[in-house]
Amino acid sequence: MIIVAVDDLLFSSKIRETARHAGAELMFARTPDAVLREARERRPPLVIFDLNADRIQPIPTIQALRQDPDLAGIRLVGFVSHVRTDIIEAARAAGAEVMPRSRFVAELEQLLTGARGLGQEA
């Protein structure tokens, strides 16, 4: 199970369709509390963040995930426009990997497939 913290309908659809092709199971969480709760319950191999999703508060949510020692092994990946250097720096400082939107889209299936394999091993 991969947690997706994205509130953009276009990207939600793209991620959902790619996951279907990759055979990856998704769970969408659209609030900080939902992301934290689901991460603690499910211990996913991957949480994906739209770093522009203000409602999700990605930077504080990433920080909260990183501060929880029980969630240390979760891979956190965020995507954002490459021109948003402020967000990129803040997300990296919080503990997430950051990809430009274009790279995220190009590598999404590989990202989901890799996380699916990790989830099956756990």
PDB file of N, CA and C in Angstrom:
ATOM      1  N   MET A   1       0.849  -1.183   0.000  1.00  0.00           N
ATOM      2  CA  MET A   1       0.000   0.000   0.000  1.00  0.00           C
ATOM      3  C   MET A   1       0.887   1.236   0.000  1.00  0.00           C
ATOM      4  N   ILE A   2       0.648   2.113  -0.953  1.00  0.00           N
ATOM      5  CA  ILE A   2       1.376   3.372  -1.083  1.00  0.00           C
ATOM      6  C   ILE A   2       0.412   4.491  -0.725  1.00  0.00           C
ATOM      7  N   ILE A   3       0.858   5.395   0.127  1.00  0.00           N
ATOM      8  CA  ILE A   3       0.026   6.547   0.493  1.00  0.00           C
ATOM      9  C   ILE A   3       0.344   7.692  -0.453  1.00  0.00           C
ATOM     10  N   VAL A   4      -0.704   8.309  -0.969  1.00  0.00           N
ATOM     11  CA  VAL A   4      -0.563   9.425  -1.901  1.00  0.00           C
ATOM     12  C   VAL A   4      -1.234  10.644  -1.288  1.00  0.00           C
ATOM     13  N   ALA A   5      -0.435  11.671  -1.024  1.00  0.00           N
ATOM     14  CA  ALA A   5      -0.927  12.921  -0.449  1.00  0.00           C
ATOM     15  C   ALA A   5      -0.958  13.974  -1.557  1.00  0.00           C
ATOM     16  N   VAL A   6      -1.991  13.871  -2.365  1.00  0.00           N
ATOM     17  CA  VAL A   6      -2.157  14.723  -3.541  1.00  0.00           C
ATOM     18  C   VAL A   6      -3.610  15.155  -3.588  1.00  0.00           C
ATOM     19  N   ASP A   7      -3.843  16.461  -3.779  1.00  0.00           N
ATOM     20  CA  ASP A   7      -5.234  16.902  -3.896  1.00  0.00           C
ATOM     21  C   ASP A   7      -5.568  17.448  -5.280  1.00  0.00           C
ATOM     22  N   ASP A   8      -4.618  17.417  -6.196  1.00  0.00           N
ATOM     23  CA  ASP A   8      -4.827  17.847  -7.575  1.00  0.00           C
ATOM     24  C   ASP A   8      -5.490  16.699  -8.337  1.00  0.00           C
ATOM     25  N   LEU A   9      -6.667  16.926  -8.879  1.00  0.00           N
ATOM     26  CA  LEU A   9      -7.413  15.855  -9.550  1.00  0.00           C
ATOM     27  C   LEU A   9      -6.685  15.297 -10.761  1.00  0.00           C
ATOM     28  N   LEU A  10      -5.992  16.145 -11.504  1.00  0.00           N
ATOM     29  CA  LEU A  10      -5.262  15.686 -12.679  1.00  0.00           C
ATOM     30  C   LEU A  10      -4.146  14.721 -12.274  1.00  0.00           C
ATOM     31  N   PHE A  11      -3.374  15.097 -11.274  1.00  0.00           N
ATOM     32  CA  PHE A  11      -2.291  14.226 -10.822  1.00  0.00           C
ATOM     33  C   PHE A  11      -2.835  12.998 -10.106  1.00  0.00           C
ATOM     34  N   SER A  12      -3.920  13.132  -9.397  1.00  0.00           N
ATOM     35  CA  SER A  12      -4.535  11.961  -8.753  1.00  0.00           C
ATOM     36  C   SER A  12      -4.912  10.927  -9.805  1.00  0.00           C
ATOM     37  N   SER A  13      -5.519  11.385 -10.893  1.00  0.00           N
ATOM     38  CA  SER A  13      -5.913  10.474 -11.972  1.00  0.00           C
ATOM     39  C   SER A  13      -4.695   9.832 -12.623  1.00  0.00           C
ATOM     40  N   LYS A  14      -3.663  10.622 -12.870  1.00  0.00           N
ATOM     41  CA  LYS A  14      -2.442  10.114 -13.492  1.00  0.00           C
ATOM     42  C   LYS A  14      -1.796   9.054 -12.591  1.00  0.00           C
ATOM     43  N   ILE A  15      -1.711   9.334 -11.303  1.00  0.00           N
ATOM     44  CA  ILE A  15      -1.100   8.389 -10.367  1.00  0.00           C
ATOM     45  C   ILE A  15      -1.951   7.118 -10.277  1.00  0.00           C
ATOM     46  N   ARG A  16      -3.254   7.277 -10.195  1.00  0.00           N
ATOM     47  CA  ARG A  16      -4.167   6.118 -10.093  1.00  0.00           C
ATOM     48  C   ARG A  16      -4.040   5.226 -11.332  1.00  0.00           C
ATOM     49  N   GLU A  17      -4.021   5.821 -12.510  1.00  0.00           N
ATOM     50  CA  GLU A  17      -3.926   5.047 -13.753  1.00  0.00           C
ATOM     51  C   GLU A  17      -2.570   4.336 -13.857  1.00  0.00           C
ATOM     52  N   THR A  18      -1.508   5.035 -13.512  1.00  0.00           N
ATOM     53  CA  THR A  18      -0.179   4.427 -13.557  1.00  0.00           C
ATOM     54  C   THR A  18      -0.073   3.291 -12.546  1.00  0.00           C
ATOM     55  N   ALA A  19      -0.654   3.466 -11.372  1.00  0.00           N
ATOM     56  CA  ALA A  19      -0.641   2.415 -10.351  1.00  0.00           C
ATOM     57  C   ALA A  19      -1.389   1.180 -10.838  1.00  0.00           C
ATOM     58  N   ARG A  20      -2.473   1.402 -11.544  1.00  0.00           N
ATOM     59  CA  ARG A  20      -3.236   0.265 -12.079  1.00  0.00           C
ATOM     60  C   ARG A  20      -2.359  -0.559 -13.024  1.00  0.00           C
ATOM     61  N   HIS A  21      -1.612   0.129 -13.896  1.00  0.00           N
ATOM     62  CA  HIS A  21      -0.708  -0.567 -14.821  1.00  0.00           C
ATOM     63  C   HIS A  21       0.439  -1.249 -14.093  1.00  0.00           C
ATOM     64  N   ALA A  22       0.906  -0.630 -13.008  1.00  0.00           N
ATOM     65  CA  ALA A  22       2.048  -1.162 -12.264  1.00  0.00           C
ATOM     66  C   ALA A  22       1.632  -2.227 -11.245  1.00  0.00           C
ATOM     67  N   GLY A  23       0.338  -2.387 -11.024  1.00  0.00           N
ATOM     68  CA  GLY A  23      -0.125  -3.345 -10.034  1.00  0.00           C
ATOM     69  C   GLY A  23       0.111  -2.889  -8.609  1.00  0.00           C
ATOM     70  N   ALA A  24       0.172  -1.579  -8.421  1.00  0.00           N
ATOM     71  CA  ALA A  24       0.420  -1.018  -7.087  1.00  0.00           C
ATOM     72  C   ALA A  24      -0.889  -0.598  -6.441  1.00  0.00           C
ATOM     73  N   GLU A  25      -0.999  -0.841  -5.156  1.00  0.00           N
ATOM     74  CA  GLU A  25      -2.195  -0.461  -4.409  1.00  0.00           C
ATOM     75  C   GLU A  25      -1.963   0.907  -3.763  1.00  0.00           C
ATOM     76  N   LEU A  26      -2.923   1.814  -3.964  1.00  0.00           N
ATOM     77  CA  LEU A  26      -2.819   3.176  -3.451  1.00  0.00           C
ATOM     78  C   LEU A  26      -3.864   3.445  -2.390  1.00  0.00           C
ATOM     79  N   MET A  27      -3.534   4.416  -1.556  1.00  0.00           N
ATOM     80  CA  MET A  27      -4.480   4.960  -0.586  1.00  0.00           C
ATOM     81  C   MET A  27      -4.256   6.461  -0.582  1.00  0.00           C
ATOM     82  N   PHE A  28      -5.276   7.228  -0.954  1.00  0.00           N
ATOM     83  CA  PHE A  28      -5.153   8.683  -0.990  1.00  0.00           C
ATOM     84  C   PHE A  28      -5.489   9.267   0.376  1.00  0.00           C
ATOM     85  N   ALA A  29      -4.629  10.152   0.845  1.00  0.00           N
ATOM     86  CA  ALA A  29      -4.838  10.855   2.109  1.00  0.00           C
ATOM     87  C   ALA A  29      -4.772  12.346   1.793  1.00  0.00           C
ATOM     88  N   ARG A  30      -5.820  13.079   2.143  1.00  0.00           N
ATOM     89  CA  ARG A  30      -5.906  14.469   1.704  1.00  0.00           C
ATOM     90  C   ARG A  30      -5.808  15.500   2.827  1.00  0.00           C
ATOM     91  N   THR A  31      -5.428  15.046   4.028  1.00  0.00           N
ATOM     92  CA  THR A  31      -5.187  15.967   5.141  1.00  0.00           C
ATOM     93  C   THR A  31      -3.934  15.498   5.876  1.00  0.00           C
ATOM     94  N   PRO A  32      -3.273  16.400   6.601  1.00  0.00           N
ATOM     95  CA  PRO A  32      -2.091  15.976   7.367  1.00  0.00           C
ATOM     96  C   PRO A  32      -2.418  14.854   8.350  1.00  0.00           C
ATOM     97  N   ASP A  33      -3.544  14.976   9.056  1.00  0.00           N
ATOM     98  CA  ASP A  33      -3.925  13.937  10.018  1.00  0.00           C
ATOM     99  C   ASP A  33      -4.125  12.586   9.343  1.00  0.00           C
ATOM    100  N   ALA A  34      -4.734  12.598   8.177  1.00  0.00           N
ATOM    101  CA  ALA A  34      -4.958  11.342   7.453  1.00  0.00           C
ATOM    102  C   ALA A  34      -3.636  10.711   7.017  1.00  0.00           C
ATOM    103  N   VAL A  35      -2.704  11.528   6.538  1.00  0.00           N
ATOM    104  CA  VAL A  35      -1.400  11.001   6.129  1.00  0.00           C
ATOM    105  C   VAL A  35      -0.704  10.352   7.324  1.00  0.00           C
ATOM    106  N   LEU A  36      -0.663  11.060   8.437  1.00  0.00           N
ATOM    107  CA  LEU A  36       0.020  10.540   9.630  1.00  0.00           C
ATOM    108  C   LEU A  36      -0.665   9.287  10.168  1.00  0.00           C
ATOM    109  N   ARG A  37      -1.970   9.319  10.246  1.00  0.00           N
ATOM    110  CA  ARG A  37      -2.724   8.166  10.758  1.00  0.00           C
ATOM    111  C   ARG A  37      -2.497   6.936   9.877  1.00  0.00           C
ATOM    112  N   GLU A  38      -2.643   7.108   8.578  1.00  0.00           N
ATOM    113  CA  GLU A  38      -2.490   5.973   7.658  1.00  0.00           C
ATOM    114  C   GLU A  38      -1.050   5.456   7.638  1.00  0.00           C
ATOM    115  N   ALA A  39      -0.083   6.352   7.735  1.00  0.00           N
ATOM    116  CA  ALA A  39       1.317   5.914   7.763  1.00  0.00           C
ATOM    117  C   ALA A  39       1.587   5.090   9.011  1.00  0.00           C
ATOM    118  N   ARG A  40       1.040   5.517  10.136  1.00  0.00           N
ATOM    119  CA  ARG A  40       1.249   4.771  11.386  1.00  0.00           C
ATOM    120  C   ARG A  40       0.537   3.414  11.357  1.00  0.00           C
ATOM    121  N   GLU A  41      -0.632   3.374  10.758  1.00  0.00           N
ATOM    122  CA  GLU A  41      -1.395   2.116  10.701  1.00  0.00           C
ATOM    123  C   GLU A  41      -0.843   1.148   9.665  1.00  0.00           C
ATOM    124  N   ARG A  42      -0.478   1.663   8.506  1.00  0.00           N
ATOM    125  CA  ARG A  42      -0.134   0.799   7.371  1.00  0.00           C
ATOM    126  C   ARG A  42       1.361   0.575   7.171  1.00  0.00           C
ATOM    127  N   ARG A  43       2.202   1.451   7.697  1.00  0.00           N
ATOM    128  CA  ARG A  43       3.651   1.370   7.514  1.00  0.00           C
ATOM    129  C   ARG A  43       3.994   1.155   6.025  1.00  0.00           C
ATOM    130  N   PRO A  44       3.614   2.087   5.173  1.00  0.00           N
ATOM    131  CA  PRO A  44       3.822   1.911   3.734  1.00  0.00           C
ATOM    132  C   PRO A  44       5.301   2.012   3.363  1.00  0.00           C
ATOM    133  N   PRO A  45       5.673   1.446   2.244  1.00  0.00           N
ATOM    134  CA  PRO A  45       7.057   1.601   1.790  1.00  0.00           C
ATOM    135  C   PRO A  45       7.309   3.001   1.209  1.00  0.00           C
ATOM    136  N   LEU A  46       6.224   3.696   0.815  1.00  0.00           N
ATOM    137  CA  LEU A  46       6.350   4.970   0.113  1.00  0.00           C
ATOM    138  C   LEU A  46       5.162   5.872   0.425  1.00  0.00           C
ATOM    139  N   VAL A  47       5.463   7.165   0.626  1.00  0.00           N
ATOM    140  CA  VAL A  47       4.431   8.200   0.673  1.00  0.00           C
ATOM    141  C   VAL A  47       4.806   9.246  -0.363  1.00  0.00           C
ATOM    142  N   ILE A  48       3.875   9.544  -1.241  1.00  0.00           N
ATOM    143  CA  ILE A  48       4.082  10.539  -2.298  1.00  0.00           C
ATOM    144  C   ILE A  48       3.371  11.819  -1.905  1.00  0.00           C
ATOM    145  N   PHE A  49       4.058  12.948  -2.047  1.00  0.00           N
ATOM    146  CA  PHE A  49       3.498  14.254  -1.716  1.00  0.00           C
ATOM    147  C   PHE A  49       3.508  15.184  -2.913  1.00  0.00           C
ATOM    148  N   ASP A  50       2.385  15.850  -3.146  1.00  0.00           N
ATOM    149  CA  ASP A  50       2.364  17.017  -4.021  1.00  0.00           C
ATOM    150  C   ASP A  50       2.784  18.172  -3.125  1.00  0.00           C
ATOM    151  N   LEU A  51       3.960  18.694  -3.344  1.00  0.00           N
ATOM    152  CA  LEU A  51       4.498  19.717  -2.456  1.00  0.00           C
ATOM    153  C   LEU A  51       3.786  21.057  -2.589  1.00  0.00           C
ATOM    154  N   ASN A  52       2.900  21.181  -3.577  1.00  0.00           N
ATOM    155  CA  ASN A  52       2.073  22.389  -3.724  1.00  0.00           C
ATOM    156  C   ASN A  52       0.721  22.259  -3.033  1.00  0.00           C
ATOM    157  N   ALA A  53       0.429  21.130  -2.462  1.00  0.00           N
ATOM    158  CA  ALA A  53      -0.888  20.862  -1.876  1.00  0.00           C
ATOM    159  C   ALA A  53      -0.989  21.519  -0.499  1.00  0.00           C
ATOM    160  N   ASP A  54      -1.410  22.767  -0.480  1.00  0.00           N
ATOM    161  CA  ASP A  54      -1.463  23.530   0.771  1.00  0.00           C
ATOM    162  C   ASP A  54      -2.321  22.857   1.839  1.00  0.00           C
ATOM    163  N   ARG A  55      -3.440  22.289   1.439  1.00  0.00           N
ATOM    164  CA  ARG A  55      -4.345  21.656   2.398  1.00  0.00           C
ATOM    165  C   ARG A  55      -3.684  20.494   3.134  1.00  0.00           C
ATOM    166  N   ILE A  56      -2.769  19.829   2.457  1.00  0.00           N
ATOM    167  CA  ILE A  56      -2.077  18.683   3.040  1.00  0.00           C
ATOM    168  C   ILE A  56      -0.921  19.133   3.941  1.00  0.00           C
ATOM    169  N   GLN A  57      -0.478  20.370   3.783  1.00  0.00           N
ATOM    170  CA  GLN A  57       0.657  20.902   4.547  1.00  0.00           C
ATOM    171  C   GLN A  57       1.850  19.953   4.446  1.00  0.00           C
ATOM    172  N   PRO A  58       2.378  19.768   3.236  1.00  0.00           N
ATOM    173  CA  PRO A  58       3.388  18.733   3.028  1.00  0.00           C
ATOM    174  C   PRO A  58       4.656  18.879   3.868  1.00  0.00           C
ATOM    175  N   ILE A  59       5.192  20.066   4.019  1.00  0.00           N
ATOM    176  CA  ILE A  59       6.456  20.206   4.745  1.00  0.00           C
ATOM    177  C   ILE A  59       6.291  19.815   6.219  1.00  0.00           C
ATOM    178  N   PRO A  60       5.312  20.380   6.961  1.00  0.00           N
ATOM    179  CA  PRO A  60       5.141  19.937   8.350  1.00  0.00           C
ATOM    180  C   PRO A  60       4.777  18.451   8.469  1.00  0.00           C
ATOM    181  N   THR A  61       4.053  17.931   7.487  1.00  0.00           N
ATOM    182  CA  THR A  61       3.677  16.516   7.520  1.00  0.00           C
ATOM    183  C   THR A  61       4.899  15.634   7.309  1.00  0.00           C
ATOM    184  N   ILE A  62       5.763  16.016   6.390  1.00  0.00           N
ATOM    185  CA  ILE A  62       7.018  15.285   6.168  1.00  0.00           C
ATOM    186  C   ILE A  62       7.858  15.329   7.447  1.00  0.00           C
ATOM    187  N   GLN A  63       7.957  16.499   8.064  1.00  0.00           N
ATOM    188  CA  GLN A  63       8.717  16.628   9.317  1.00  0.00           C
ATOM    189  C   GLN A  63       8.153  15.703  10.393  1.00  0.00           C
ATOM    190  N   ALA A  64       6.838  15.660  10.520  1.00  0.00           N
ATOM    191  CA  ALA A  64       6.209  14.797  11.530  1.00  0.00           C
ATOM    192  C   ALA A  64       6.499  13.328  11.258  1.00  0.00           C
ATOM    193  N   LEU A  65       6.456  12.926   9.997  1.00  0.00           N
ATOM    194  CA  LEU A  65       6.772  11.539   9.649  1.00  0.00           C
ATOM    195  C   LEU A  65       8.226  11.215   9.993  1.00  0.00           C
ATOM    196  N   ARG A  66       9.125  12.121   9.682  1.00  0.00           N
ATOM    197  CA  ARG A  66      10.548  11.899   9.943  1.00  0.00           C
ATOM    198  C   ARG A  66      10.873  11.894  11.440  1.00  0.00           C
ATOM    199  N   GLN A  67      10.089  12.584  12.234  1.00  0.00           N
ATOM    200  CA  GLN A  67      10.335  12.648  13.675  1.00  0.00           C
ATOM    201  C   GLN A  67       9.813  11.416  14.416  1.00  0.00           C
ATOM    202  N   ASP A  68       9.003  10.615  13.752  1.00  0.00           N
ATOM    203  CA  ASP A  68       8.461   9.407  14.376  1.00  0.00           C
ATOM    204  C   ASP A  68       9.425   8.250  14.118  1.00  0.00           C
ATOM    205  N   PRO A  69      10.120   7.758  15.154  1.00  0.00           N
ATOM    206  CA  PRO A  69      11.107   6.696  14.943  1.00  0.00           C
ATOM    207  C   PRO A  69      10.510   5.410  14.373  1.00  0.00           C
ATOM    208  N   ASP A  70       9.235   5.166  14.596  1.00  0.00           N
ATOM    209  CA  ASP A  70       8.588   3.969  14.051  1.00  0.00           C
ATOM    210  C   ASP A  70       8.388   4.038  12.540  1.00  0.00           C
ATOM    211  N   LEU A  71       8.518   5.240  11.969  1.00  0.00           N
ATOM    212  CA  LEU A  71       8.283   5.421  10.540  1.00  0.00           C
ATOM    213  C   LEU A  71       9.569   5.730   9.785  1.00  0.00           C
ATOM    214  N   ALA A  72      10.702   5.473  10.397  1.00  0.00           N
ATOM    215  CA  ALA A  72      11.997   5.855   9.832  1.00  0.00           C
ATOM    216  C   ALA A  72      12.276   5.244   8.458  1.00  0.00           C
ATOM    217  N   GLY A  73      11.756   4.068   8.185  1.00  0.00           N
ATOM    218  CA  GLY A  73      12.073   3.393   6.929  1.00  0.00           C
ATOM    219  C   GLY A  73      11.209   3.772   5.746  1.00  0.00           C
ATOM    220  N   ILE A  74      10.249   4.629   5.942  1.00  0.00           N
ATOM    221  CA  ILE A  74       9.343   4.998   4.853  1.00  0.00           C
ATOM    222  C   ILE A  74      10.038   5.967   3.903  1.00  0.00           C
ATOM    223  N   ARG A  75       9.952   5.680   2.624  1.00  0.00           N
ATOM    224  CA  ARG A  75      10.490   6.587   1.599  1.00  0.00           C
ATOM    225  C   ARG A  75       9.467   7.688   1.354  1.00  0.00           C
ATOM    226  N   LEU A  76       9.908   8.927   1.445  1.00  0.00           N
ATOM    227  CA  LEU A  76       9.045  10.083   1.219  1.00  0.00           C
ATOM    228  C   LEU A  76       9.512  10.790  -0.040  1.00  0.00           C
ATOM    229  N   VAL A  77       8.626  10.887  -1.020  1.00  0.00           N
ATOM    230  CA  VAL A  77       8.962  11.516  -2.299  1.00  0.00           C
ATOM    231  C   VAL A  77       7.952  12.613  -2.573  1.00  0.00           C
ATOM    232  N   GLY A  78       8.472  13.799  -2.866  1.00  0.00           N
ATOM    233  CA  GLY A  78       7.610  14.918  -3.221  1.00  0.00           C
ATOM    234  C   GLY A  78       7.891  15.385  -4.624  1.00  0.00           C
ATOM    235  N   PHE A  79       6.882  15.952  -5.259  1.00  0.00           N
ATOM    236  CA  PHE A  79       7.086  16.532  -6.583  1.00  0.00           C
ATOM    237  C   PHE A  79       6.553  17.957  -6.588  1.00  0.00           C
ATOM    238  N   VAL A  80       7.209  18.794  -7.395  1.00  0.00           N
ATOM    239  CA  VAL A  80       6.880  20.218  -7.465  1.00  0.00           C
ATOM    240  C   VAL A  80       7.536  20.791  -8.712  1.00  0.00           C
ATOM    241  N   SER A  81       7.077  21.924  -9.150  1.00  0.00           N
ATOM    242  CA  SER A  81       7.702  22.607 -10.281  1.00  0.00           C
ATOM    243  C   SER A  81       9.158  22.920  -9.955  1.00  0.00           C
ATOM    244  N   HIS A  82      10.028  22.731 -10.930  1.00  0.00           N
ATOM    245  CA  HIS A  82      11.459  22.940 -10.706  1.00  0.00           C
ATOM    246  C   HIS A  82      11.809  24.391 -10.352  1.00  0.00           C
ATOM    247  N   VAL A  83      10.913  25.324 -10.611  1.00  0.00           N
ATOM    248  CA  VAL A  83      11.199  26.733 -10.300  1.00  0.00           C
ATOM    249  C   VAL A  83      10.903  27.081  -8.840  1.00  0.00           C
ATOM    250  N   ARG A  84      10.250  26.194  -8.106  1.00  0.00           N
ATOM    251  CA  ARG A  84       9.905  26.448  -6.697  1.00  0.00           C
ATOM    252  C   ARG A  84      11.044  26.011  -5.776  1.00  0.00           C
ATOM    253  N   THR A  85      12.171  26.698  -5.904  1.00  0.00           N
ATOM    254  CA  THR A  85      13.357  26.325  -5.138  1.00  0.00           C
ATOM    255  C   THR A  85      13.138  26.445  -3.632  1.00  0.00           C
ATOM    256  N   ASP A  86      12.276  27.359  -3.212  1.00  0.00           N
ATOM    257  CA  ASP A  86      11.980  27.490  -1.781  1.00  0.00           C
ATOM    258  C   ASP A  86      11.338  26.222  -1.234  1.00  0.00           C
ATOM    259  N   ILE A  87      10.372  25.693  -1.970  1.00  0.00           N
ATOM    260  CA  ILE A  87       9.691  24.463  -1.554  1.00  0.00           C
ATOM    261  C   ILE A  87      10.635  23.263  -1.650  1.00  0.00           C
ATOM    262  N   ILE A  88      11.419  23.223  -2.713  1.00  0.00           N
ATOM    263  CA  ILE A  88      12.374  22.125  -2.895  1.00  0.00           C
ATOM    264  C   ILE A  88      13.336  22.058  -1.711  1.00  0.00           C
ATOM    265  N   GLU A  89      13.900  23.188  -1.351  1.00  0.00           N
ATOM    266  CA  GLU A  89      14.860  23.228  -0.235  1.00  0.00           C
ATOM    267  C   GLU A  89      14.193  22.848   1.083  1.00  0.00           C
ATOM    268  N   ALA A  90      12.991  23.353   1.326  1.00  0.00           N
ATOM    269  CA  ALA A  90      12.285  23.055   2.575  1.00  0.00           C
ATOM    270  C   ALA A  90      11.935  21.569   2.670  1.00  0.00           C
ATOM    271  N   ALA A  91      11.486  20.978   1.577  1.00  0.00           N
ATOM    272  CA  ALA A  91      11.122  19.554   1.586  1.00  0.00           C
ATOM    273  C   ALA A  91      12.347  18.678   1.794  1.00  0.00           C
ATOM    274  N   ARG A  92      13.447  19.025   1.155  1.00  0.00           N
ATOM    275  CA  ARG A  92      14.683  18.254   1.359  1.00  0.00           C
ATOM    276  C   ARG A  92      15.166  18.381   2.798  1.00  0.00           C
ATOM    277  N   ALA A  93      15.104  19.586   3.341  1.00  0.00           N
ATOM    278  CA  ALA A  93      15.521  19.794   4.736  1.00  0.00           C
ATOM    279  C   ALA A  93      14.628  19.012   5.695  1.00  0.00           C
ATOM    280  N   ALA A  94      13.351  18.847   5.330  1.00  0.00           N
ATOM    281  CA  ALA A  94      12.414  18.103   6.172  1.00  0.00           C
ATOM    282  C   ALA A  94      12.645  16.598   6.097  1.00  0.00           C
ATOM    283  N   GLY A  95      13.296  16.141   5.019  1.00  0.00           N
ATOM    284  CA  GLY A  95      13.613  14.715   4.926  1.00  0.00           C
ATOM    285  C   GLY A  95      13.005  13.981   3.749  1.00  0.00           C
ATOM    286  N   ALA A  96      12.548  14.715   2.746  1.00  0.00           N
ATOM    287  CA  ALA A  96      11.949  14.062   1.576  1.00  0.00           C
ATOM    288  C   ALA A  96      12.877  14.142   0.370  1.00  0.00           C
ATOM    289  N   GLU A  97      12.745  13.167  -0.503  1.00  0.00           N
ATOM    290  CA  GLU A  97      13.348  13.259  -1.828  1.00  0.00           C
ATOM    291  C   GLU A  97      12.437  14.170  -2.641  1.00  0.00           C
ATOM    292  N   VAL A  98      13.000  14.972  -3.515  1.00  0.00           N
ATOM    293  CA  VAL A  98      12.180  15.892  -4.307  1.00  0.00           C
ATOM    294  C   VAL A  98      12.491  15.695  -5.785  1.00  0.00           C
ATOM    295  N   MET A  99      11.419  15.638  -6.565  1.00  0.00           N
ATOM    296  CA  MET A  99      11.543  15.512  -8.010  1.00  0.00           C
ATOM    297  C   MET A  99      10.782  16.646  -8.675  1.00  0.00           C
ATOM    298  N   PRO A 100      11.321  17.170  -9.777  1.00  0.00           N
ATOM    299  CA  PRO A 100      10.510  18.085 -10.583  1.00  0.00           C
ATOM    300  C   PRO A 100       9.308  17.308 -11.126  1.00  0.00           C
ATOM    301  N   ARG A 101       8.206  18.008 -11.347  1.00  0.00           N
ATOM    302  CA  ARG A 101       6.994  17.343 -11.854  1.00  0.00           C
ATOM    303  C   ARG A 101       7.274  16.483 -13.083  1.00  0.00           C
ATOM    304  N   SER A 102       8.046  17.008 -14.017  1.00  0.00           N
ATOM    305  CA  SER A 102       8.291  16.274 -15.261  1.00  0.00           C
ATOM    306  C   SER A 102       9.019  14.954 -14.998  1.00  0.00           C
ATOM    307  N   ARG A 103      10.000  14.964 -14.119  1.00  0.00           N
ATOM    308  CA  ARG A 103      10.712  13.731 -13.786  1.00  0.00           C
ATOM    309  C   ARG A 103       9.800  12.768 -13.019  1.00  0.00           C
ATOM    310  N   PHE A 104       8.981  13.316 -12.128  1.00  0.00           N
ATOM    311  CA  PHE A 104       8.045  12.483 -11.373  1.00  0.00           C
ATOM    312  C   PHE A 104       7.122  11.720 -12.321  1.00  0.00           C
ATOM    313  N   VAL A 105       6.570  12.426 -13.290  1.00  0.00           N
ATOM    314  CA  VAL A 105       5.670  11.784 -14.258  1.00  0.00           C
ATOM    315  C   VAL A 105       6.429  10.724 -15.063  1.00  0.00           C
ATOM    316  N   ALA A 106       7.647  11.062 -15.488  1.00  0.00           N
ATOM    317  CA  ALA A 106       8.433  10.132 -16.302  1.00  0.00           C
ATOM    318  C   ALA A 106       8.819   8.876 -15.525  1.00  0.00           C
ATOM    319  N   GLU A 107       9.059   9.002 -14.218  1.00  0.00           N
ATOM    320  CA  GLU A 107       9.540   7.880 -13.417  1.00  0.00           C
ATOM    321  C   GLU A 107       8.474   7.263 -12.512  1.00  0.00           C
ATOM    322  N   LEU A 108       7.231   7.712 -12.649  1.00  0.00           N
ATOM    323  CA  LEU A 108       6.175   7.279 -11.739  1.00  0.00           C
ATOM    324  C   LEU A 108       5.972   5.765 -11.723  1.00  0.00           C
ATOM    325  N   GLU A 109       5.885   5.148 -12.874  1.00  0.00           N
ATOM    326  CA  GLU A 109       5.645   3.704 -12.894  1.00  0.00           C
ATOM    327  C   GLU A 109       6.788   2.952 -12.209  1.00  0.00           C
ATOM    328  N   GLN A 110       8.012   3.352 -12.472  1.00  0.00           N
ATOM    329  CA  GLN A 110       9.175   2.729 -11.829  1.00  0.00           C
ATOM    330  C   GLN A 110       9.140   2.946 -10.318  1.00  0.00           C
ATOM    331  N   LEU A 111       8.769   4.128  -9.897  1.00  0.00           N
ATOM    332  CA  LEU A 111       8.671   4.455  -8.472  1.00  0.00           C
ATOM    333  C   LEU A 111       7.627   3.562  -7.787  1.00  0.00           C
ATOM    334  N   LEU A 112       6.458   3.428  -8.416  1.00  0.00           N
ATOM    335  CA  LEU A 112       5.388   2.613  -7.851  1.00  0.00           C
ATOM    336  C   LEU A 112       5.743   1.130  -7.851  1.00  0.00           C
ATOM    337  N   THR A 113       6.346   0.661  -8.920  1.00  0.00           N
ATOM    338  CA  THR A 113       6.742  -0.744  -9.014  1.00  0.00           C
ATOM    339  C   THR A 113       7.789  -1.077  -7.959  1.00  0.00           C
ATOM    340  N   GLY A 114       8.758  -0.193  -7.786  1.00  0.00           N
ATOM    341  CA  GLY A 114       9.789  -0.412  -6.773  1.00  0.00           C
ATOM    342  C   GLY A 114       9.215  -0.438  -5.373  1.00  0.00           C
ATOM    343  N   ALA A 115       8.291   0.476  -5.091  1.00  0.00           N
ATOM    344  CA  ALA A 115       7.662   0.520  -3.768  1.00  0.00           C
ATOM    345  C   ALA A 115       6.777  -0.700  -3.551  1.00  0.00           C
ATOM    346  N   ARG A 116       6.112  -1.151  -4.596  1.00  0.00           N
ATOM    347  CA  ARG A 116       5.271  -2.346  -4.479  1.00  0.00           C
ATOM    348  C   ARG A 116       6.126  -3.545  -4.084  1.00  0.00           C
ATOM    349  N   GLY A 117       7.300  -3.664  -4.679  1.00  0.00           N
ATOM    350  CA  GLY A 117       8.209  -4.756  -4.329  1.00  0.00           C
ATOM    351  C   GLY A 117       8.664  -4.667  -2.892  1.00  0.00           C
ATOM    352  N   LEU A 118       8.953  -3.458  -2.418  1.00  0.00           N
ATOM    353  CA  LEU A 118       9.354  -3.289  -1.016  1.00  0.00           C
ATOM    354  C   LEU A 118       8.214  -3.655  -0.080  1.00  0.00           C
ATOM    355  N   GLY A 119       7.005  -3.260  -0.445  1.00  0.00           N
ATOM    356  CA  GLY A 119       5.850  -3.561   0.391  1.00  0.00           C
ATOM    357  C   GLY A 119       5.582  -5.047   0.491  1.00  0.00           C
ATOM    358  N   GLN A 120       5.884  -5.791  -0.567  1.00  0.00           N
ATOM    359  CA  GLN A 120       5.660  -7.231  -0.547  1.00  0.00           C
ATOM    360  C   GLN A 120       6.690  -7.949   0.304  1.00  0.00           C
ATOM    361  N   GLU A 121       7.892  -7.358   0.425  1.00  0.00           N
ATOM    362  CA  GLU A 121       8.942  -7.971   1.220  1.00  0.00           C
ATOM    363  C   GLU A 121       8.689  -7.795   2.702  1.00  0.00           C
ATOM    364  N   ALA A 122       8.018  -6.696   3.073  1.00  0.00           N
ATOM    365  CA  ALA A 122       7.814  -6.369   4.489  1.00  0.00           C
ATOM    366  C   ALA A 122       6.852  -7.326   5.150  1.00  0.00           C
TER     367      ALA A 122
END
